PDB file of all heavy atoms in Angstrom:
ATOM      1  N   ARG A   1     155.567 -13.748   5.803  1.00  0.00           N
ATOM      2  CA  ARG A   1     155.068 -14.844   6.630  1.00  0.00           C
ATOM      3  C   ARG A   1     156.001 -15.028   7.821  1.00  0.00           C
ATOM      4  O   ARG A   1     157.219 -14.892   7.682  1.00  0.00           O
ATOM      5  CB  ARG A   1     154.970 -16.141   5.835  1.00  0.00           C
ATOM      6  CG  ARG A   1     153.817 -16.155   4.837  1.00  0.00           C
ATOM      7  CD  ARG A   1     153.563 -17.554   4.310  1.00  0.00           C
ATOM      8  NE  ARG A   1     152.345 -17.603   3.514  1.00  0.00           N
ATOM      9  CZ  ARG A   1     151.741 -18.742   3.148  1.00  0.00           C
ATOM     10  NH1 ARG A   1     152.238 -19.899   3.519  1.00  0.00           N
ATOM     11  NH2 ARG A   1     150.642 -18.707   2.425  1.00  0.00           N
ATOM     12  N   ALA A   2     155.433 -15.351   8.968  1.00  0.00           N
ATOM     13  CA  ALA A   2     156.257 -15.500  10.162  1.00  0.00           C
ATOM     14  C   ALA A   2     155.709 -16.596  11.070  1.00  0.00           C
ATOM     15  O   ALA A   2     154.492 -16.820  11.121  1.00  0.00           O
ATOM     16  CB  ALA A   2     156.328 -14.179  10.928  1.00  0.00           C
ATOM     17  N   ALA A   3     156.631 -17.278  11.755  1.00  0.00           N
ATOM     18  CA  ALA A   3     156.291 -18.385  12.646  1.00  0.00           C
ATOM     19  C   ALA A   3     156.281 -17.915  14.093  1.00  0.00           C
ATOM     20  O   ALA A   3     157.220 -17.252  14.547  1.00  0.00           O
ATOM     21  CB  ALA A   3     157.291 -19.520  12.472  1.00  0.00           C
ATOM     22  N   VAL A   4     155.214 -18.256  14.808  1.00  0.00           N
ATOM     23  CA  VAL A   4     155.056 -17.923  16.227  1.00  0.00           C
ATOM     24  C   VAL A   4     155.148 -19.223  17.023  1.00  0.00           C
ATOM     25  O   VAL A   4     154.334 -20.134  16.822  1.00  0.00           O
ATOM     26  CB  VAL A   4     153.698 -17.245  16.489  1.00  0.00           C
ATOM     27  CG1 VAL A   4     153.591 -16.788  17.938  1.00  0.00           C
ATOM     28  CG2 VAL A   4     153.479 -16.076  15.537  1.00  0.00           C
ATOM     29  N   LYS A   5     156.122 -19.312  17.901  1.00  0.00           N
ATOM     30  CA  LYS A   5     156.263 -20.541  18.684  1.00  0.00           C
ATOM     31  C   LYS A   5     155.148 -20.627  19.731  1.00  0.00           C
ATOM     32  O   LYS A   5     154.536 -19.614  20.093  1.00  0.00           O
ATOM     33  CB  LYS A   5     157.625 -20.569  19.377  1.00  0.00           C
ATOM     34  CG  LYS A   5     157.768 -19.574  20.532  1.00  0.00           C
ATOM     35  CD  LYS A   5     159.127 -19.673  21.193  1.00  0.00           C
ATOM     36  CE  LYS A   5     159.245 -18.689  22.362  1.00  0.00           C
ATOM     37  NZ  LYS A   5     160.569 -18.739  23.001  1.00  0.00           N
ATOM     38  N   PRO A   6     154.865 -21.846  20.236  1.00  0.00           N
ATOM     39  CA  PRO A   6     153.984 -21.931  21.404  1.00  0.00           C
ATOM     40  C   PRO A   6     154.622 -21.142  22.545  1.00  0.00           C
ATOM     41  O   PRO A   6     155.813 -21.326  22.843  1.00  0.00           O
ATOM     42  CB  PRO A   6     153.963 -23.432  21.720  1.00  0.00           C
ATOM     43  CG  PRO A   6     154.375 -24.101  20.450  1.00  0.00           C
ATOM     44  CD  PRO A   6     155.347 -23.162  19.795  1.00  0.00           C
ATOM     45  N   ILE A   7     153.878 -20.242  23.148  1.00  0.00           N
ATOM     46  CA  ILE A   7     154.490 -19.400  24.183  1.00  0.00           C
ATOM     47  C   ILE A   7     154.943 -20.265  25.360  1.00  0.00           C
ATOM     48  O   ILE A   7     154.331 -21.290  25.666  1.00  0.00           O
ATOM     49  CB  ILE A   7     153.552 -18.265  24.631  1.00  0.00           C
ATOM     50  CG1 ILE A   7     152.253 -18.820  25.217  1.00  0.00           C
ATOM     51  CG2 ILE A   7     153.272 -17.329  23.481  1.00  0.00           C
ATOM     52  CD1 ILE A   7     151.372 -17.744  25.816  1.00  0.00           C
ATOM     53  N   PRO A   8     156.023 -19.878  26.032  1.00  0.00           N
ATOM     54  CA  PRO A   8     156.655 -20.762  27.005  1.00  0.00           C
ATOM     55  C   PRO A   8     156.100 -20.700  28.428  1.00  0.00           C
ATOM     56  O   PRO A   8     156.593 -21.429  29.290  1.00  0.00           O
ATOM     57  CB  PRO A   8     158.117 -20.302  26.977  1.00  0.00           C
ATOM     58  CG  PRO A   8     158.056 -18.864  26.604  1.00  0.00           C
ATOM     59  CD  PRO A   8     156.879 -18.729  25.689  1.00  0.00           C
ATOM     60  N   THR A   9     155.123 -19.844  28.706  1.00  0.00           N
ATOM     61  CA  THR A   9     154.527 -19.823  30.043  1.00  0.00           C
ATOM     62  C   THR A   9     153.416 -20.868  30.079  1.00  0.00           C
ATOM     63  O   THR A   9     152.358 -20.672  29.483  1.00  0.00           O
ATOM     64  CB  THR A   9     153.965 -18.440  30.375  1.00  0.00           C
ATOM     65  OG1 THR A   9     155.023 -17.485  30.305  1.00  0.00           O
ATOM     66  CG2 THR A   9     153.388 -18.412  31.781  1.00  0.00           C
ATOM     67  N   LEU A  10     153.666 -21.969  30.765  1.00  0.00           N
ATOM     68  CA  LEU A  10     152.747 -23.101  30.763  1.00  0.00           C
ATOM     69  C   LEU A  10     152.037 -23.226  32.104  1.00  0.00           C
ATOM     70  O   LEU A  10     152.671 -23.150  33.163  1.00  0.00           O
ATOM     71  CB  LEU A  10     153.504 -24.398  30.475  1.00  0.00           C
ATOM     72  CG  LEU A  10     154.348 -24.417  29.182  1.00  0.00           C
ATOM     73  CD1 LEU A  10     155.030 -25.768  29.032  1.00  0.00           C
ATOM     74  CD2 LEU A  10     153.501 -24.108  27.966  1.00  0.00           C
ATOM     75  N   ALA A  11     150.727 -23.463  32.061  1.00  0.00           N
ATOM     76  CA  ALA A  11     149.960 -23.665  33.296  1.00  0.00           C
ATOM     77  C   ALA A  11     150.412 -24.925  34.020  1.00  0.00           C
ATOM     78  O   ALA A  11     150.305 -25.020  35.247  1.00  0.00           O
ATOM     79  CB  ALA A  11     148.467 -23.731  32.977  1.00  0.00           C
ATOM     80  N   HIS A  12     150.899 -25.903  33.280  1.00  0.00           N
ATOM     81  CA  HIS A  12     151.556 -27.077  33.865  1.00  0.00           C
ATOM     82  C   HIS A  12     153.044 -26.917  33.580  1.00  0.00           C
ATOM     83  O   HIS A  12     153.541 -27.369  32.550  1.00  0.00           O
ATOM     84  CB  HIS A  12     151.024 -28.370  33.271  1.00  0.00           C
ATOM     85  CG  HIS A  12     149.581 -28.637  33.587  1.00  0.00           C
ATOM     86  ND1 HIS A  12     148.887 -29.720  33.093  1.00  0.00           N
ATOM     87  CD2 HIS A  12     148.703 -27.970  34.376  1.00  0.00           C
ATOM     88  CE1 HIS A  12     147.645 -29.696  33.549  1.00  0.00           C
ATOM     89  NE2 HIS A  12     147.518 -28.646  34.324  1.00  0.00           N
ATOM     90  N   PRO A  13     153.780 -26.276  34.471  1.00  0.00           N
ATOM     91  CA  PRO A  13     155.152 -25.850  34.167  1.00  0.00           C
ATOM     92  C   PRO A  13     156.102 -27.001  33.871  1.00  0.00           C
ATOM     93  O   PRO A  13     155.951 -28.121  34.381  1.00  0.00           O
ATOM     94  CB  PRO A  13     155.583 -25.102  35.439  1.00  0.00           C
ATOM     95  CG  PRO A  13     154.308 -24.710  36.105  1.00  0.00           C
ATOM     96  CD  PRO A  13     153.346 -25.812  35.804  1.00  0.00           C
ATOM     97  N   LEU A  14     157.103 -26.707  33.041  1.00  0.00           N
ATOM     98  CA  LEU A  14     158.160 -27.661  32.739  1.00  0.00           C
ATOM     99  C   LEU A  14     159.164 -27.734  33.880  1.00  0.00           C
ATOM    100  O   LEU A  14     159.276 -26.792  34.684  1.00  0.00           O
ATOM    101  CB  LEU A  14     158.884 -27.233  31.460  1.00  0.00           C
ATOM    102  CG  LEU A  14     158.091 -27.293  30.159  1.00  0.00           C
ATOM    103  CD1 LEU A  14     158.880 -26.635  29.038  1.00  0.00           C
ATOM    104  CD2 LEU A  14     157.752 -28.730  29.801  1.00  0.00           C
ATOM    105  N   PRO A  15     159.927 -28.817  33.959  1.00  0.00           N
ATOM    106  CA  PRO A  15     161.027 -28.861  34.932  1.00  0.00           C
ATOM    107  C   PRO A  15     162.041 -27.758  34.623  1.00  0.00           C
ATOM    108  O   PRO A  15     162.286 -27.433  33.462  1.00  0.00           O
ATOM    109  CB  PRO A  15     161.647 -30.245  34.714  1.00  0.00           C
ATOM    110  CG  PRO A  15     160.601 -31.045  34.012  1.00  0.00           C
ATOM    111  CD  PRO A  15     159.816 -30.066  33.187  1.00  0.00           C
ATOM    112  N   SER A  16     162.619 -27.198  35.677  1.00  0.00           N
ATOM    113  CA  SER A  16     163.618 -26.164  35.487  1.00  0.00           C
ATOM    114  C   SER A  16     164.583 -26.192  36.672  1.00  0.00           C
ATOM    115  O   SER A  16     164.716 -27.213  37.343  1.00  0.00           O
ATOM    116  CB  SER A  16     162.950 -24.795  35.350  1.00  0.00           C
ATOM    117  OG  SER A  16     163.907 -23.818  35.004  1.00  0.00           O
ATOM    118  N   VAL A  17     165.206 -25.039  36.932  1.00  0.00           N
ATOM    119  CA  VAL A  17     166.231 -24.939  37.974  1.00  0.00           C
ATOM    120  C   VAL A  17     165.975 -23.700  38.815  1.00  0.00           C
ATOM    121  O   VAL A  17     165.556 -22.657  38.289  1.00  0.00           O
ATOM    122  CB  VAL A  17     167.645 -24.881  37.334  1.00  0.00           C
ATOM    123  CG1 VAL A  17     168.708 -24.600  38.379  1.00  0.00           C
ATOM    124  CG2 VAL A  17     167.946 -26.181  36.604  1.00  0.00           C
ATOM    125  N   ASP A  18     166.223 -23.795  40.108  1.00  0.00           N
ATOM    126  CA  ASP A  18     166.103 -22.639  40.996  1.00  0.00           C
ATOM    127  C   ASP A  18     167.373 -21.796  40.919  1.00  0.00           C
ATOM    128  O   ASP A  18     168.500 -22.329  40.947  1.00  0.00           O
ATOM    129  CB  ASP A  18     165.866 -23.103  42.434  1.00  0.00           C
ATOM    130  CG  ASP A  18     165.661 -21.931  43.369  1.00  0.00           C
ATOM    131  OD1 ASP A  18     164.553 -21.390  43.406  1.00  0.00           O
ATOM    132  OD2 ASP A  18     166.641 -21.533  44.047  1.00  0.00           O
ATOM    133  N   LEU A  19     167.196 -20.498  40.831  1.00  0.00           N
ATOM    134  CA  LEU A  19     168.307 -19.568  40.686  1.00  0.00           C
ATOM    135  C   LEU A  19     169.240 -19.609  41.889  1.00  0.00           C
ATOM    136  O   LEU A  19     170.461 -19.494  41.749  1.00  0.00           O
ATOM    137  CB  LEU A  19     167.754 -18.152  40.491  1.00  0.00           C
ATOM    138  CG  LEU A  19     168.746 -16.997  40.440  1.00  0.00           C
ATOM    139  CD1 LEU A  19     169.709 -17.166  39.271  1.00  0.00           C
ATOM    140  CD2 LEU A  19     167.994 -15.673  40.325  1.00  0.00           C
ATOM    141  N   ASP A  20     168.695 -19.766  43.091  1.00  0.00           N
ATOM    142  CA  ASP A  20     169.511 -19.742  44.296  1.00  0.00           C
ATOM    143  C   ASP A  20     170.293 -21.033  44.504  1.00  0.00           C
ATOM    144  O   ASP A  20     171.501 -21.023  44.748  1.00  0.00           O
ATOM    145  CB  ASP A  20     168.632 -19.479  45.524  1.00  0.00           C
ATOM    146  CG  ASP A  20     168.150 -18.041  45.597  1.00  0.00           C
ATOM    147  OD1 ASP A  20     168.716 -17.189  44.886  1.00  0.00           O
ATOM    148  OD2 ASP A  20     167.212 -17.767  46.353  1.00  0.00           O
ATOM    149  N   SER A  21     169.571 -22.161  44.396  1.00  0.00           N
ATOM    150  CA  SER A  21     170.183 -23.446  44.770  1.00  0.00           C
ATOM    151  C   SER A  21     170.781 -24.204  43.600  1.00  0.00           C
ATOM    152  O   SER A  21     171.648 -25.063  43.787  1.00  0.00           O
ATOM    153  CB  SER A  21     169.139 -24.326  45.451  1.00  0.00           C
ATOM    154  OG  SER A  21     168.135 -24.717  44.511  1.00  0.00           O
ATOM    155  N   GLY A  22     170.296 -23.936  42.386  1.00  0.00           N
ATOM    156  CA  GLY A  22     170.723 -24.720  41.245  1.00  0.00           C
ATOM    157  C   GLY A  22     170.046 -26.071  41.165  1.00  0.00           C
ATOM    158  O   GLY A  22     170.358 -26.874  40.281  1.00  0.00           O
ATOM    159  N   GLU A  23     169.118 -26.331  42.092  1.00  0.00           N
ATOM    160  CA  GLU A  23     168.427 -27.612  42.131  1.00  0.00           C
ATOM    161  C   GLU A  23     167.217 -27.601  41.203  1.00  0.00           C
ATOM    162  O   GLU A  23     166.662 -26.558  40.871  1.00  0.00           O
ATOM    163  CB  GLU A  23     167.980 -27.930  43.565  1.00  0.00           C
ATOM    164  CG  GLU A  23     169.120 -28.026  44.563  1.00  0.00           C
ATOM    165  CD  GLU A  23     170.061 -29.175  44.247  1.00  0.00           C
ATOM    166  OE1 GLU A  23     169.571 -30.227  43.778  1.00  0.00           O
ATOM    167  OE2 GLU A  23     171.289 -29.019  44.441  1.00  0.00           O
ATOM    168  N   GLU A  24     166.770 -28.808  40.825  1.00  0.00           N
ATOM    169  CA  GLU A  24     165.622 -28.925  39.936  1.00  0.00           C
ATOM    170  C   GLU A  24     164.335 -28.529  40.643  1.00  0.00           C
ATOM    171  O   GLU A  24     164.083 -28.926  41.785  1.00  0.00           O
ATOM    172  CB  GLU A  24     165.498 -30.353  39.400  1.00  0.00           C
ATOM    173  CG  GLU A  24     164.333 -30.525  38.422  1.00  0.00           C
ATOM    174  CD  GLU A  24     164.276 -31.900  37.792  1.00  0.00           C
ATOM    175  OE1 GLU A  24     165.329 -32.383  37.332  1.00  0.00           O
ATOM    176  OE2 GLU A  24     163.177 -32.480  37.757  1.00  0.00           O
ATOM    177  N   VAL A  25     163.510 -27.726  39.962  1.00  0.00           N
ATOM    178  CA  VAL A  25     162.198 -27.304  40.445  1.00  0.00           C
ATOM    179  C   VAL A  25     161.265 -27.224  39.233  1.00  0.00           C
ATOM    180  O   VAL A  25     161.703 -27.369  38.101  1.00  0.00           O
ATOM    181  CB  VAL A  25     162.243 -25.913  41.125  1.00  0.00           C
ATOM    182  CG1 VAL A  25     163.051 -25.944  42.409  1.00  0.00           C
ATOM    183  CG2 VAL A  25     162.800 -24.855  40.161  1.00  0.00           C
ATOM    184  N   LEU A  26     159.980 -26.968  39.489  1.00  0.00           N
ATOM    185  CA  LEU A  26     159.079 -26.635  38.404  1.00  0.00           C
ATOM    186  C   LEU A  26     159.203 -25.139  38.109  1.00  0.00           C
ATOM    187  O   LEU A  26     159.362 -24.326  39.018  1.00  0.00           O
ATOM    188  CB  LEU A  26     157.635 -26.976  38.763  1.00  0.00           C
ATOM    189  CG  LEU A  26     157.299 -28.464  38.860  1.00  0.00           C
ATOM    190  CD1 LEU A  26     155.843 -28.645  39.259  1.00  0.00           C
ATOM    191  CD2 LEU A  26     157.584 -29.183  37.537  1.00  0.00           C
ATOM    192  N   ALA A  27     159.123 -24.783  36.841  1.00  0.00           N
ATOM    193  CA  ALA A  27     159.282 -23.388  36.439  1.00  0.00           C
ATOM    194  C   ALA A  27     158.214 -22.504  37.074  1.00  0.00           C
ATOM    195  O   ALA A  27     157.105 -22.957  37.387  1.00  0.00           O
ATOM    196  CB  ALA A  27     159.215 -23.268  34.917  1.00  0.00           C
ATOM    197  N   HIS A  28     158.559 -21.234  37.265  1.00  0.00           N
ATOM    198  CA  HIS A  28     157.611 -20.238  37.770  1.00  0.00           C
ATOM    199  C   HIS A  28     156.482 -20.057  36.749  1.00  0.00           C
ATOM    200  O   HIS A  28     156.696 -20.147  35.535  1.00  0.00           O
ATOM    201  CB  HIS A  28     158.346 -18.909  37.969  1.00  0.00           C
ATOM    202  CG  HIS A  28     157.466 -17.773  38.379  1.00  0.00           C
ATOM    203  ND1 HIS A  28     156.903 -17.686  39.628  1.00  0.00           N
ATOM    204  CD2 HIS A  28     157.045 -16.678  37.692  1.00  0.00           C
ATOM    205  CE1 HIS A  28     156.188 -16.574  39.707  1.00  0.00           C
ATOM    206  NE2 HIS A  28     156.252 -15.952  38.540  1.00  0.00           N
ATOM    207  N   TYR A  29     155.264 -19.808  37.237  1.00  0.00           N
ATOM    208  CA  TYR A  29     154.119 -19.593  36.343  1.00  0.00           C
ATOM    209  C   TYR A  29     153.531 -18.220  36.572  1.00  0.00           C
ATOM    210  O   TYR A  29     153.241 -17.832  37.703  1.00  0.00           O
ATOM    211  CB  TYR A  29     153.040 -20.660  36.574  1.00  0.00           C
ATOM    212  CG  TYR A  29     151.776 -20.407  35.764  1.00  0.00           C
ATOM    213  CD1 TYR A  29     151.797 -20.531  34.380  1.00  0.00           C
ATOM    214  CD2 TYR A  29     150.591 -20.019  36.379  1.00  0.00           C
ATOM    215  CE1 TYR A  29     150.661 -20.290  33.618  1.00  0.00           C
ATOM    216  CE2 TYR A  29     149.441 -19.777  35.624  1.00  0.00           C
ATOM    217  CZ  TYR A  29     149.484 -19.917  34.246  1.00  0.00           C
ATOM    218  OH  TYR A  29     148.358 -19.674  33.503  1.00  0.00           O
ATOM    219  N   GLU A  30     153.392 -17.460  35.489  1.00  0.00           N
ATOM    220  CA  GLU A  30     152.669 -16.193  35.490  1.00  0.00           C
ATOM    221  C   GLU A  30     151.419 -16.370  34.637  1.00  0.00           C
ATOM    222  O   GLU A  30     151.422 -17.134  33.679  1.00  0.00           O
ATOM    223  CB  GLU A  30     153.534 -15.076  34.895  1.00  0.00           C
ATOM    224  CG  GLU A  30     154.775 -14.735  35.683  1.00  0.00           C
ATOM    225  CD  GLU A  30     154.571 -13.574  36.641  1.00  0.00           C
ATOM    226  OE1 GLU A  30     153.927 -12.589  36.269  1.00  0.00           O
ATOM    227  OE2 GLU A  30     155.069 -13.675  37.770  1.00  0.00           O
TER     228      GLU A  30
END
């Protein structure tokens, strides 16, 4: 038996950070 998490690519993205600036942004969506 194995647990599958909700996949982390969300159509309504979570708050995150920009790699260049370090500032808060919405996560990239694929």
